[in-house]
Amino acid sequence: MILVVGMAILGAVIGALTARKRKGSGADIAQYAAGYGIAFALVGLALSLLLVRMAG
């Protein structure tokens, strides 16, 4: 579970930085942060499930 949350936070930070680098408005930054956060959370969920399946 912590992997999913950590990946979501990492994705949100990367998304916000990407939007800021592209000179986006506040709404753009929020949208990028949300989109990247969701995408990274899904990757984290898949990794978490993979680790649990391999361990047990």
N, C-alpha and C. Protein backbone atom coordinates (compact mmCIF):
# COMPACT_ATOMS: atom_id res chain seq x y z
N MET A 1 0.82 -1.20 0.00
CA MET A 1 0.00 0.00 0.00
C MET A 1 0.87 1.26 0.00
N ILE A 2 1.96 1.21 0.75
CA ILE A 2 2.83 2.38 0.81
C ILE A 2 3.49 2.64 -0.54
N LEU A 3 3.72 1.57 -1.31
CA LEU A 3 4.30 1.72 -2.64
C LEU A 3 3.35 2.49 -3.55
N VAL A 4 2.07 2.21 -3.46
CA VAL A 4 1.08 2.89 -4.30
C VAL A 4 1.03 4.38 -3.95
N VAL A 5 0.98 4.69 -2.68
CA VAL A 5 0.92 6.08 -2.24
C VAL A 5 2.21 6.82 -2.60
N GLY A 6 3.34 6.16 -2.40
CA GLY A 6 4.61 6.78 -2.74
C GLY A 6 4.72 7.07 -4.22
N MET A 7 4.29 6.13 -5.04
CA MET A 7 4.33 6.33 -6.49
C MET A 7 3.37 7.45 -6.90
N ALA A 8 2.21 7.54 -6.25
CA ALA A 8 1.26 8.59 -6.57
C ALA A 8 1.85 9.97 -6.25
N ILE A 9 2.51 10.08 -5.11
CA ILE A 9 3.13 11.35 -4.74
C ILE A 9 4.26 11.70 -5.70
N LEU A 10 5.07 10.71 -6.03
CA LEU A 10 6.15 10.93 -6.99
C LEU A 10 5.60 11.38 -8.34
N GLY A 11 4.55 10.74 -8.80
CA GLY A 11 3.93 11.12 -10.06
C GLY A 11 3.36 12.53 -10.03
N ALA A 12 2.75 12.90 -8.92
CA ALA A 12 2.19 14.25 -8.80
C ALA A 12 3.29 15.30 -8.84
N VAL A 13 4.39 15.02 -8.20
CA VAL A 13 5.51 15.97 -8.22
C VAL A 13 6.09 16.09 -9.63
N ILE A 14 6.29 14.96 -10.29
CA ILE A 14 6.83 14.99 -11.65
C ILE A 14 5.86 15.71 -12.59
N GLY A 15 4.57 15.44 -12.45
CA GLY A 15 3.58 16.11 -13.28
C GLY A 15 3.56 17.61 -13.08
N ALA A 16 3.62 18.03 -11.83
CA ALA A 16 3.62 19.47 -11.53
C ALA A 16 4.86 20.14 -12.09
N LEU A 17 6.00 19.50 -11.95
CA LEU A 17 7.24 20.06 -12.48
C LEU A 17 7.22 20.12 -14.01
N THR A 18 6.62 19.11 -14.64
CA THR A 18 6.51 19.11 -16.09
C THR A 18 5.64 20.26 -16.57
N ALA A 19 4.50 20.46 -15.92
CA ALA A 19 3.61 21.55 -16.32
C ALA A 19 4.26 22.91 -16.06
N ARG A 20 4.96 23.04 -14.96
CA ARG A 20 5.64 24.31 -14.67
C ARG A 20 6.73 24.58 -15.70
N LYS A 21 7.45 23.54 -16.10
CA LYS A 21 8.51 23.68 -17.11
C LYS A 21 7.92 24.14 -18.44
N ARG A 22 6.72 23.71 -18.74
CA ARG A 22 6.04 24.09 -19.99
C ARG A 22 5.28 25.41 -19.84
N LYS A 23 5.50 26.08 -18.72
CA LYS A 23 4.89 27.38 -18.43
C LYS A 23 3.35 27.33 -18.41
N GLY A 24 2.83 26.32 -17.72
CA GLY A 24 1.39 26.16 -17.60
C GLY A 24 0.83 27.01 -16.48
N SER A 25 -0.47 27.25 -16.55
CA SER A 25 -1.15 28.00 -15.50
C SER A 25 -1.35 27.09 -14.28
N GLY A 26 -1.96 27.64 -13.25
CA GLY A 26 -2.21 26.85 -12.04
C GLY A 26 -3.09 25.65 -12.31
N ALA A 27 -4.10 25.84 -13.17
CA ALA A 27 -4.98 24.72 -13.51
C ALA A 27 -4.24 23.65 -14.29
N ASP A 28 -3.33 24.07 -15.17
CA ASP A 28 -2.53 23.11 -15.93
C ASP A 28 -1.65 22.29 -14.99
N ILE A 29 -1.04 22.98 -14.03
CA ILE A 29 -0.17 22.29 -13.08
C ILE A 29 -0.98 21.27 -12.27
N ALA A 30 -2.17 21.65 -11.83
CA ALA A 30 -3.01 20.74 -11.06
C ALA A 30 -3.45 19.55 -11.91
N GLN A 31 -3.79 19.80 -13.16
CA GLN A 31 -4.23 18.71 -14.03
C GLN A 31 -3.09 17.75 -14.33
N TYR A 32 -1.92 18.26 -14.62
CA TYR A 32 -0.76 17.40 -14.86
C TYR A 32 -0.44 16.60 -13.60
N ALA A 33 -0.47 17.25 -12.44
CA ALA A 33 -0.16 16.56 -11.19
C ALA A 33 -1.16 15.43 -10.96
N ALA A 34 -2.43 15.69 -11.19
CA ALA A 34 -3.45 14.65 -10.99
C ALA A 34 -3.27 13.51 -11.99
N GLY A 35 -3.06 13.84 -13.24
CA GLY A 35 -2.90 12.81 -14.27
C GLY A 35 -1.69 11.93 -14.04
N TYR A 36 -0.56 12.56 -13.79
CA TYR A 36 0.65 11.79 -13.53
C TYR A 36 0.52 11.01 -12.22
N GLY A 37 -0.11 11.60 -11.21
CA GLY A 37 -0.30 10.90 -9.94
C GLY A 37 -1.12 9.64 -10.10
N ILE A 38 -2.19 9.71 -10.86
CA ILE A 38 -3.04 8.54 -11.10
C ILE A 38 -2.27 7.48 -11.89
N ALA A 39 -1.57 7.92 -12.93
CA ALA A 39 -0.81 6.97 -13.75
C ALA A 39 0.27 6.26 -12.93
N PHE A 40 1.01 7.02 -12.13
CA PHE A 40 2.06 6.42 -11.32
C PHE A 40 1.46 5.52 -10.23
N ALA A 41 0.30 5.88 -9.70
CA ALA A 41 -0.35 5.03 -8.69
C ALA A 41 -0.74 3.69 -9.30
N LEU A 42 -1.21 3.69 -10.54
CA LEU A 42 -1.56 2.44 -11.20
C LEU A 42 -0.32 1.57 -11.42
N VAL A 43 0.77 2.20 -11.79
CA VAL A 43 2.03 1.44 -11.95
C VAL A 43 2.46 0.89 -10.59
N GLY A 44 2.35 1.70 -9.55
CA GLY A 44 2.69 1.24 -8.21
C GLY A 44 1.81 0.09 -7.76
N LEU A 45 0.54 0.14 -8.11
CA LEU A 45 -0.38 -0.95 -7.76
C LEU A 45 0.03 -2.23 -8.46
N ALA A 46 0.37 -2.13 -9.73
CA ALA A 46 0.80 -3.32 -10.47
C ALA A 46 2.09 -3.89 -9.88
N LEU A 47 3.03 -3.02 -9.54
CA LEU A 47 4.27 -3.48 -8.93
C LEU A 47 4.00 -4.13 -7.57
N SER A 48 3.11 -3.54 -6.80
CA SER A 48 2.78 -4.08 -5.49
C SER A 48 2.15 -5.46 -5.62
N LEU A 49 1.23 -5.60 -6.56
CA LEU A 49 0.60 -6.90 -6.78
C LEU A 49 1.62 -7.93 -7.24
N LEU A 50 2.53 -7.53 -8.11
CA LEU A 50 3.57 -8.42 -8.59
C LEU A 50 4.47 -8.89 -7.45
N LEU A 51 4.84 -7.95 -6.58
CA LEU A 51 5.69 -8.31 -5.44
C LEU A 51 4.98 -9.26 -4.48
N VAL A 52 3.70 -9.02 -4.25
CA VAL A 52 2.95 -9.89 -3.34
C VAL A 52 2.81 -11.29 -3.94
N ARG A 53 2.57 -11.37 -5.24
CA ARG A 53 2.43 -12.68 -5.90
C ARG A 53 3.75 -13.45 -5.88
N MET A 54 4.86 -12.75 -6.03
CA MET A 54 6.15 -13.42 -6.06
C MET A 54 6.57 -13.86 -4.65
N ALA A 55 6.17 -13.09 -3.64
CA ALA A 55 6.58 -13.41 -2.26
C ALA A 55 5.76 -14.57 -1.70
N GLY A 56 4.51 -14.68 -2.12
CA GLY A 56 3.66 -15.69 -1.50
C GLY A 56 3.41 -16.78 -2.42
